[in-house]
Amino acid sequence: MRLIRLYTEEPLNEGKSVFLKDGANHYLSKVLRVKENQNIVLFDNTGFNYYGYVKKITKKNFEIHLDKKYFIEKKIHNTELAFSICKNPCADLIVQKLTELGIQSIQPIISKNSIFNQKKIDSVKKIQHWKNISISSSEQSERSYLPLIKDIVSFQDYIDNCRYEKKIILDTKSKSMLKDIYSMPNVSCSLLVGPEGDFTNEEYSFANESGFSSVSLGDNILRVETAAIAAFSYLQIINNIESE
């Protein structure tokens, strides 16, 4: 039986019990069908993983007794993926897969060719939806820290306020490859990915004038989510090699 990991915002203390109710109660009982005495790990985005077991199940809550805790140090890699809002399942896949890969922060932006209904979009609801996806992905991929999912901003605001050491914008027309630009691993990095309709020439020019380096991932034309996953995976591989 696989070990269940669950994120919670309830206060956690070694040697004590925590009571999970509402959504967590439903998820444990109806989805996972957890039984009493079953082992479970809880984490709360502090780096601590709390190991315990299901002590008691009632209709209202699960009592989880926490026996011990282990601290996982946060990796120093500080990479943010900024993506132009795209229609689902594209956006959801970006959040899910980049969480699994270990992204530190995700910044949704609105550019000229972003695909969304501005009249219908509920920013607060959308951000919470993506946070829920990141939580589920963190539980399954054994992450101890959730990625920071930032509020939606405009393309111009993001470019104006970006303060990362390395700033990269994916551009299929660029002659430079990602490996040519990202030569100093473990520096803070912003990775900017455009929408299905691409950034406009004016947006590329504005980004370049503001310190963003245009790079290509090769000859193939990739979907937005594929480009985001491929680019960040490359950075992670380089960072992890240098950390060994």
C-alpha atoms as a PDB file:
ATOM      1  CA  MET A   1       0.000   0.000   0.000  1.00  0.00           C
ATOM      2  CA  ARG A   2       1.469   3.327  -1.078  1.00  0.00           C
ATOM      3  CA  LEU A   3       2.229   5.994   1.505  1.00  0.00           C
ATOM      4  CA  ILE A   4      -0.296   8.827   1.312  1.00  0.00           C
ATOM      5  CA  ARG A   5       0.983  12.417   1.352  1.00  0.00           C
ATOM      6  CA  LEU A   6      -1.398  15.260   2.063  1.00  0.00           C
ATOM      7  CA  TYR A   7      -0.945  19.019   2.212  1.00  0.00           C
ATOM      8  CA  THR A   8      -2.707  20.847   5.022  1.00  0.00           C
ATOM      9  CA  GLU A   9      -2.825  24.328   6.486  1.00  0.00           C
ATOM     10  CA  GLU A  10      -3.743  22.967   9.914  1.00  0.00           C
ATOM     11  CA  PRO A  11      -1.117  23.538  12.667  1.00  0.00           C
ATOM     12  CA  LEU A  12       1.146  20.470  12.864  1.00  0.00           C
ATOM     13  CA  ASN A  13       3.103  19.339  15.913  1.00  0.00           C
ATOM     14  CA  GLU A  14       5.276  16.295  16.438  1.00  0.00           C
ATOM     15  CA  GLY A  15       3.846  13.886  19.035  1.00  0.00           C
ATOM     16  CA  LYS A  16       0.335  15.336  18.801  1.00  0.00           C
ATOM     17  CA  SER A  17      -2.807  14.736  16.781  1.00  0.00           C
ATOM     18  CA  VAL A  18      -4.335  16.914  14.094  1.00  0.00           C
ATOM     19  CA  PHE A  19      -7.968  16.723  13.006  1.00  0.00           C
ATOM     20  CA  LEU A  20      -8.643  16.927   9.282  1.00  0.00           C
ATOM     21  CA  LYS A  21     -12.167  17.832   8.244  1.00  0.00           C
ATOM     22  CA  ASP A  22     -14.228  19.296   5.407  1.00  0.00           C
ATOM     23  CA  GLY A  23     -12.466  18.835   2.055  1.00  0.00           C
ATOM     24  CA  ALA A  24      -9.600  16.788   3.466  1.00  0.00           C
ATOM     25  CA  ASN A  25     -12.054  14.519   5.254  1.00  0.00           C
ATOM     26  CA  HIS A  26     -13.998  13.896   2.038  1.00  0.00           C
ATOM     27  CA  TYR A  27     -10.811  13.295   0.029  1.00  0.00           C
ATOM     28  CA  LEU A  28      -9.417  10.785   2.525  1.00  0.00           C
ATOM     29  CA  SER A  29     -12.680   8.892   3.010  1.00  0.00           C
ATOM     30  CA  LYS A  30     -14.379   8.977  -0.394  1.00  0.00           C
ATOM     31  CA  VAL A  31     -11.471   9.270  -2.832  1.00  0.00           C
ATOM     32  CA  LEU A  32      -8.562   7.491  -1.144  1.00  0.00           C
ATOM     33  CA  ARG A  33     -10.717   5.293   1.115  1.00  0.00           C
ATOM     34  CA  VAL A  34      -8.200   5.556   3.931  1.00  0.00           C
ATOM     35  CA  LYS A  35      -8.619   3.215   6.908  1.00  0.00           C
ATOM     36  CA  GLU A  36      -7.699   3.510  10.576  1.00  0.00           C
ATOM     37  CA  ASN A  37      -4.045   2.748  11.416  1.00  0.00           C
ATOM     38  CA  GLN A  38      -2.995   3.545   7.854  1.00  0.00           C
ATOM     39  CA  ASN A  39       0.278   5.461   7.590  1.00  0.00           C
ATOM     40  CA  ILE A  40       0.181   9.010   6.247  1.00  0.00           C
ATOM     41  CA  VAL A  41       2.535  11.964   5.719  1.00  0.00           C
ATOM     42  CA  LEU A  42       1.369  15.550   6.159  1.00  0.00           C
ATOM     43  CA  PHE A  43       3.241  18.650   4.963  1.00  0.00           C
ATOM     44  CA  ASP A  44       2.499  22.337   5.357  1.00  0.00           C
ATOM     45  CA  ASN A  45       4.915  24.181   3.025  1.00  0.00           C
ATOM     46  CA  THR A  46       7.443  24.807   5.808  1.00  0.00           C
ATOM     47  CA  GLY A  47       9.821  22.074   4.640  1.00  0.00           C
ATOM     48  CA  PHE A  48       8.761  19.667   7.378  1.00  0.00           C
ATOM     49  CA  ASN A  49       7.201  16.305   6.545  1.00  0.00           C
ATOM     50  CA  TYR A  50       5.182  14.868   9.435  1.00  0.00           C
ATOM     51  CA  TYR A  51       4.928  11.082   9.569  1.00  0.00           C
ATOM     52  CA  GLY A  52       1.988   9.548  11.398  1.00  0.00           C
ATOM     53  CA  TYR A  53      -1.039   7.315  11.116  1.00  0.00           C
ATOM     54  CA  VAL A  54      -4.815   7.537  11.076  1.00  0.00           C
ATOM     55  CA  LYS A  55      -5.788   7.151  14.716  1.00  0.00           C
ATOM     56  CA  LYS A  56      -9.562   7.556  14.439  1.00  0.00           C
ATOM     57  CA  ILE A  57     -12.169   8.170  11.752  1.00  0.00           C
ATOM     58  CA  THR A  58     -15.543   9.789  12.420  1.00  0.00           C
ATOM     59  CA  LYS A  59     -18.189  11.222  10.122  1.00  0.00           C
ATOM     60  CA  LYS A  60     -16.832  14.721  10.734  1.00  0.00           C
ATOM     61  CA  ASN A  61     -13.062  14.303  10.718  1.00  0.00           C
ATOM     62  CA  PHE A  62      -9.928  12.202  10.554  1.00  0.00           C
ATOM     63  CA  GLU A  63      -7.677  12.172  13.603  1.00  0.00           C
ATOM     64  CA  ILE A  64      -4.058  11.878  12.469  1.00  0.00           C
ATOM     65  CA  HIS A  65      -1.445  11.219  15.139  1.00  0.00           C
ATOM     66  CA  LEU A  66       1.968  12.593  14.165  1.00  0.00           C
ATOM     67  CA  ASP A  67       4.888  10.516  15.419  1.00  0.00           C
ATOM     68  CA  LYS A  68       7.901  12.282  13.916  1.00  0.00           C
ATOM     69  CA  LYS A  69       8.972  14.961  11.473  1.00  0.00           C
ATOM     70  CA  TYR A  70      11.780  15.431   8.974  1.00  0.00           C
ATOM     71  CA  PHE A  71      12.985  18.684   7.467  1.00  0.00           C
ATOM     72  CA  ILE A  72      13.746  18.967   3.753  1.00  0.00           C
ATOM     73  CA  GLU A  73      15.994  21.904   2.901  1.00  0.00           C
ATOM     74  CA  LYS A  74      14.793  24.109   0.067  1.00  0.00           C
ATOM     75  CA  LYS A  75      16.928  23.994  -3.067  1.00  0.00           C
ATOM     76  CA  ILE A  76      18.703  27.190  -4.001  1.00  0.00           C
ATOM     77  CA  HIS A  77      17.505  27.204  -7.624  1.00  0.00           C
ATOM     78  CA  ASN A  78      15.255  30.232  -8.088  1.00  0.00           C
ATOM     79  CA  THR A  79      13.451  29.988 -11.411  1.00  0.00           C
ATOM     80  CA  GLU A  80      10.168  31.576 -12.390  1.00  0.00           C
ATOM     81  CA  LEU A  81       8.085  30.565 -15.385  1.00  0.00           C
ATOM     82  CA  ALA A  82       5.948  33.369 -16.763  1.00  0.00           C
ATOM     83  CA  PHE A  83       3.378  32.269 -19.325  1.00  0.00           C
ATOM     84  CA  SER A  84       0.777  34.110 -21.359  1.00  0.00           C
ATOM     85  CA  ILE A  85      -2.657  32.863 -20.323  1.00  0.00           C
ATOM     86  CA  CYS A  86      -3.856  30.116 -22.648  1.00  0.00           C
ATOM     87  CA  LYS A  87      -6.997  28.041 -22.848  1.00  0.00           C
ATOM     88  CA  ASN A  88      -7.307  24.821 -20.868  1.00  0.00           C
ATOM     89  CA  PRO A  89      -5.954  22.219 -20.604  1.00  0.00           C
ATOM     90  CA  CYS A  90      -2.794  24.126 -21.597  1.00  0.00           C
ATOM     91  CA  ALA A  91      -2.601  26.337 -18.499  1.00  0.00           C
ATOM     92  CA  ASP A  92      -3.485  23.522 -16.112  1.00  0.00           C
ATOM     93  CA  LEU A  93      -0.807  21.279 -17.628  1.00  0.00           C
ATOM     94  CA  ILE A  94       1.816  23.995 -17.241  1.00  0.00           C
ATOM     95  CA  VAL A  95       1.043  24.331 -13.530  1.00  0.00           C
ATOM     96  CA  GLN A  96       0.820  20.577 -12.963  1.00  0.00           C
ATOM     97  CA  LYS A  97       3.963  19.520 -14.777  1.00  0.00           C
ATOM     98  CA  LEU A  98       6.168  22.410 -13.678  1.00  0.00           C
ATOM     99  CA  THR A  99       5.167  21.735 -10.080  1.00  0.00           C
ATOM    100  CA  GLU A 100       6.283  18.124 -10.513  1.00  0.00           C
ATOM    101  CA  LEU A 101       9.582  19.317 -11.978  1.00  0.00           C
ATOM    102  CA  GLY A 102      10.268  21.682  -9.076  1.00  0.00           C
ATOM    103  CA  ILE A 103       9.483  25.195 -10.305  1.00  0.00           C
ATOM    104  CA  GLN A 104       9.780  27.868  -7.612  1.00  0.00           C
ATOM    105  CA  SER A 105       7.192  30.338  -8.910  1.00  0.00           C
ATOM    106  CA  ILE A 106       4.680  30.650 -11.737  1.00  0.00           C
ATOM    107  CA  GLN A 107       3.542  33.993 -13.129  1.00  0.00           C
ATOM    108  CA  PRO A 108       0.481  34.107 -15.426  1.00  0.00           C
ATOM    109  CA  ILE A 109       0.471  37.172 -17.672  1.00  0.00           C
ATOM    110  CA  ILE A 110      -1.847  38.787 -20.197  1.00  0.00           C
ATOM    111  CA  SER A 111      -0.231  39.620 -23.534  1.00  0.00           C
ATOM    112  CA  LYS A 112      -1.808  40.824 -26.776  1.00  0.00           C
ATOM    113  CA  ASN A 113      -2.505  37.302 -28.080  1.00  0.00           C
ATOM    114  CA  SER A 114      -3.505  35.694 -24.778  1.00  0.00           C
ATOM    115  CA  ILE A 115      -6.501  33.416 -25.218  1.00  0.00           C
ATOM    116  CA  PHE A 116      -9.104  34.077 -22.554  1.00  0.00           C
ATOM    117  CA  ASN A 117     -12.472  35.735 -22.121  1.00  0.00           C
ATOM    118  CA  GLN A 118     -11.660  38.934 -20.243  1.00  0.00           C
ATOM    119  CA  LYS A 119     -15.316  39.492 -19.345  1.00  0.00           C
ATOM    120  CA  LYS A 120     -15.738  36.037 -17.846  1.00  0.00           C
ATOM    121  CA  ILE A 121     -12.351  35.432 -16.225  1.00  0.00           C
ATOM    122  CA  ASP A 122     -12.403  35.448 -12.434  1.00  0.00           C
ATOM    123  CA  SER A 123      -8.776  36.054 -11.452  1.00  0.00           C
ATOM    124  CA  VAL A 124      -9.201  35.040  -7.816  1.00  0.00           C
ATOM    125  CA  LYS A 125     -11.020  31.831  -8.733  1.00  0.00           C
ATOM    126  CA  LYS A 126      -8.504  31.033 -11.481  1.00  0.00           C
ATOM    127  CA  ILE A 127      -5.484  31.475  -9.194  1.00  0.00           C
ATOM    128  CA  GLN A 128      -7.098  29.275  -6.537  1.00  0.00           C
ATOM    129  CA  HIS A 129      -7.808  26.647  -9.186  1.00  0.00           C
ATOM    130  CA  TRP A 130      -4.135  26.610 -10.176  1.00  0.00           C
ATOM    131  CA  LYS A 131      -3.058  26.505  -6.532  1.00  0.00           C
ATOM    132  CA  ASN A 132      -5.227  23.435  -6.014  1.00  0.00           C
ATOM    133  CA  ILE A 133      -3.583  21.786  -9.008  1.00  0.00           C
ATOM    134  CA  SER A 134      -0.140  22.584  -7.611  1.00  0.00           C
ATOM    135  CA  ILE A 135      -1.100  21.136  -4.224  1.00  0.00           C
ATOM    136  CA  SER A 136      -2.294  17.884  -5.774  1.00  0.00           C
ATOM    137  CA  SER A 137       0.826  17.684  -7.924  1.00  0.00           C
ATOM    138  CA  SER A 138       3.079  18.366  -4.918  1.00  0.00           C
ATOM    139  CA  GLU A 139       1.385  15.593  -2.946  1.00  0.00           C
ATOM    140  CA  GLN A 140       1.971  13.077  -5.720  1.00  0.00           C
ATOM    141  CA  SER A 141       5.515  14.139  -6.635  1.00  0.00           C
ATOM    142  CA  GLU A 142       6.690  14.293  -2.993  1.00  0.00           C
ATOM    143  CA  ARG A 143       7.483  17.990  -3.011  1.00  0.00           C
ATOM    144  CA  SER A 144       7.786  19.580   0.403  1.00  0.00           C
ATOM    145  CA  TYR A 145       7.372  23.143  -0.859  1.00  0.00           C
ATOM    146  CA  LEU A 146       4.542  24.481  -2.997  1.00  0.00           C
ATOM    147  CA  PRO A 147       5.401  26.739  -5.916  1.00  0.00           C
ATOM    148  CA  LEU A 148       4.334  30.358  -5.562  1.00  0.00           C
ATOM    149  CA  ILE A 149       1.549  31.085  -8.035  1.00  0.00           C
ATOM    150  CA  LYS A 150       1.348  34.829  -8.483  1.00  0.00           C
ATOM    151  CA  ASP A 151      -1.583  37.058  -9.388  1.00  0.00           C
ATOM    152  CA  ILE A 152      -2.219  37.717 -13.059  1.00  0.00           C
ATOM    153  CA  VAL A 153      -0.415  40.789 -14.426  1.00  0.00           C
ATOM    154  CA  SER A 154      -0.037  42.441 -17.815  1.00  0.00           C
ATOM    155  CA  PHE A 155       2.914  41.682 -20.086  1.00  0.00           C
ATOM    156  CA  GLN A 156       4.239  45.222 -19.715  1.00  0.00           C
ATOM    157  CA  ASP A 157       3.976  45.218 -15.918  1.00  0.00           C
ATOM    158  CA  TYR A 158       5.848  41.939 -15.745  1.00  0.00           C
ATOM    159  CA  ILE A 159       8.655  43.145 -17.991  1.00  0.00           C
ATOM    160  CA  ASP A 160       8.922  46.461 -16.128  1.00  0.00           C
ATOM    161  CA  ASN A 161       9.168  44.798 -12.711  1.00  0.00           C
ATOM    162  CA  CYS A 162      11.202  41.674 -13.488  1.00  0.00           C
ATOM    163  CA  ARG A 163      14.326  41.665 -11.305  1.00  0.00           C
ATOM    164  CA  TYR A 164      15.805  38.227 -11.981  1.00  0.00           C
ATOM    165  CA  GLU A 165      19.520  37.917 -12.726  1.00  0.00           C
ATOM    166  CA  LYS A 166      18.894  36.041 -15.973  1.00  0.00           C
ATOM    167  CA  LYS A 167      15.882  36.919 -18.126  1.00  0.00           C
ATOM    168  CA  ILE A 168      14.951  34.670 -21.052  1.00  0.00           C
ATOM    169  CA  ILE A 169      12.113  34.863 -23.573  1.00  0.00           C
ATOM    170  CA  LEU A 170      11.411  31.911 -25.886  1.00  0.00           C
ATOM    171  CA  ASP A 171      11.405  32.965 -29.527  1.00  0.00           C
ATOM    172  CA  THR A 172      11.201  30.494 -32.429  1.00  0.00           C
ATOM    173  CA  LYS A 173      12.852  33.070 -34.723  1.00  0.00           C
ATOM    174  CA  SER A 174      15.930  33.486 -32.526  1.00  0.00           C
ATOM    175  CA  LYS A 175      19.288  32.177 -33.720  1.00  0.00           C
ATOM    176  CA  SER A 176      20.461  31.674 -30.137  1.00  0.00           C
ATOM    177  CA  MET A 177      19.777  28.410 -28.334  1.00  0.00           C
ATOM    178  CA  LEU A 178      18.902  28.086 -24.666  1.00  0.00           C
ATOM    179  CA  LYS A 179      22.229  26.388 -23.957  1.00  0.00           C
ATOM    180  CA  ASP A 180      24.048  29.435 -25.340  1.00  0.00           C
ATOM    181  CA  ILE A 181      22.293  31.849 -22.975  1.00  0.00           C
ATOM    182  CA  TYR A 182      22.002  29.836 -19.767  1.00  0.00           C
ATOM    183  CA  SER A 183      25.689  29.281 -19.058  1.00  0.00           C
ATOM    184  CA  MET A 184      25.783  30.228 -15.362  1.00  0.00           C
ATOM    185  CA  PRO A 185      23.700  27.695 -13.411  1.00  0.00           C
ATOM    186  CA  ASN A 186      21.932  28.500 -10.156  1.00  0.00           C
ATOM    187  CA  VAL A 187      21.408  32.182 -10.902  1.00  0.00           C
ATOM    188  CA  SER A 188      17.869  33.462 -10.439  1.00  0.00           C
ATOM    189  CA  CYS A 189      16.084  33.191 -13.756  1.00  0.00           C
ATOM    190  CA  SER A 190      12.857  34.310 -15.412  1.00  0.00           C
ATOM    191  CA  LEU A 191      11.668  32.128 -18.282  1.00  0.00           C
ATOM    192  CA  LEU A 192       8.996  33.816 -20.416  1.00  0.00           C
ATOM    193  CA  VAL A 193       6.746  31.749 -22.700  1.00  0.00           C
ATOM    194  CA  GLY A 194       4.288  33.219 -25.194  1.00  0.00           C
ATOM    195  CA  PRO A 195       0.722  32.271 -26.133  1.00  0.00           C
ATOM    196  CA  GLU A 196      -0.498  30.060 -28.992  1.00  0.00           C
ATOM    197  CA  GLY A 197      -0.457  33.107 -31.281  1.00  0.00           C
ATOM    198  CA  ASP A 198       3.059  34.055 -30.108  1.00  0.00           C
ATOM    199  CA  PHE A 199       4.198  37.399 -28.771  1.00  0.00           C
ATOM    200  CA  THR A 200       3.958  40.322 -31.168  1.00  0.00           C
ATOM    201  CA  ASN A 201       7.070  41.886 -32.695  1.00  0.00           C
ATOM    202  CA  GLU A 202       6.502  44.895 -30.448  1.00  0.00           C
ATOM    203  CA  GLU A 203       6.379  42.674 -27.356  1.00  0.00           C
ATOM    204  CA  TYR A 204       9.592  40.904 -28.332  1.00  0.00           C
ATOM    205  CA  SER A 205      11.298  44.252 -28.919  1.00  0.00           C
ATOM    206  CA  PHE A 206      10.097  45.625 -25.588  1.00  0.00           C
ATOM    207  CA  ALA A 207      11.331  42.518 -23.755  1.00  0.00           C
ATOM    208  CA  ASN A 208      14.720  42.618 -25.489  1.00  0.00           C
ATOM    209  CA  GLU A 209      15.147  46.313 -24.723  1.00  0.00           C
ATOM    210  CA  SER A 210      14.394  45.499 -21.072  1.00  0.00           C
ATOM    211  CA  GLY A 211      17.136  42.887 -20.800  1.00  0.00           C
ATOM    212  CA  PHE A 212      15.409  39.692 -21.921  1.00  0.00           C
ATOM    213  CA  SER A 213      17.478  37.409 -24.143  1.00  0.00           C
ATOM    214  CA  SER A 214      15.601  35.710 -26.994  1.00  0.00           C
ATOM    215  CA  VAL A 215      16.323  31.985 -27.359  1.00  0.00           C
ATOM    216  CA  SER A 216      15.028  29.113 -29.447  1.00  0.00           C
ATOM    217  CA  LEU A 217      14.380  25.505 -28.461  1.00  0.00           C
ATOM    218  CA  GLY A 218      15.070  24.224 -31.969  1.00  0.00           C
ATOM    219  CA  ASP A 219      13.384  23.904 -35.346  1.00  0.00           C
ATOM    220  CA  ASN A 220      10.132  22.335 -34.152  1.00  0.00           C
ATOM    221  CA  ILE A 221       7.131  24.525 -33.409  1.00  0.00           C
ATOM    222  CA  LEU A 222       6.027  23.476 -29.919  1.00  0.00           C
ATOM    223  CA  ARG A 223       2.765  23.884 -28.079  1.00  0.00           C
ATOM    224  CA  VAL A 224       2.910  26.372 -25.214  1.00  0.00           C
ATOM    225  CA  GLU A 225       2.890  23.727 -22.487  1.00  0.00           C
ATOM    226  CA  THR A 226       5.507  21.630 -24.303  1.00  0.00           C
ATOM    227  CA  ALA A 227       7.829  24.619 -24.688  1.00  0.00           C
ATOM    228  CA  ALA A 228       7.440  25.555 -21.007  1.00  0.00           C
ATOM    229  CA  ILE A 229       8.130  22.012 -19.803  1.00  0.00           C
ATOM    230  CA  ALA A 230      11.070  21.488 -22.171  1.00  0.00           C
ATOM    231  CA  ALA A 231      12.757  24.797 -21.314  1.00  0.00           C
ATOM    232  CA  PHE A 232      12.418  24.446 -17.557  1.00  0.00           C
ATOM    233  CA  SER A 233      13.511  20.785 -17.682  1.00  0.00           C
ATOM    234  CA  TYR A 234      16.736  21.881 -19.364  1.00  0.00           C
ATOM    235  CA  LEU A 235      17.427  24.468 -16.656  1.00  0.00           C
ATOM    236  CA  GLN A 236      16.748  21.895 -13.939  1.00  0.00           C
ATOM    237  CA  ILE A 237      19.113  19.377 -15.496  1.00  0.00           C
ATOM    238  CA  ILE A 238      21.900  21.962 -15.706  1.00  0.00           C
ATOM    239  CA  ASN A 239      21.272  23.162 -12.146  1.00  0.00           C
ATOM    240  CA  ASN A 240      21.199  19.641 -10.731  1.00  0.00           C
ATOM    241  CA  ILE A 241      24.398  18.624 -12.533  1.00  0.00           C
ATOM    242  CA  GLU A 242      26.205  21.667 -11.134  1.00  0.00           C
ATOM    243  CA  SER A 243      24.874  20.937  -7.628  1.00  0.00           C
ATOM    244  CA  GLU A 244      26.323  17.429  -7.505  1.00  0.00           C
END
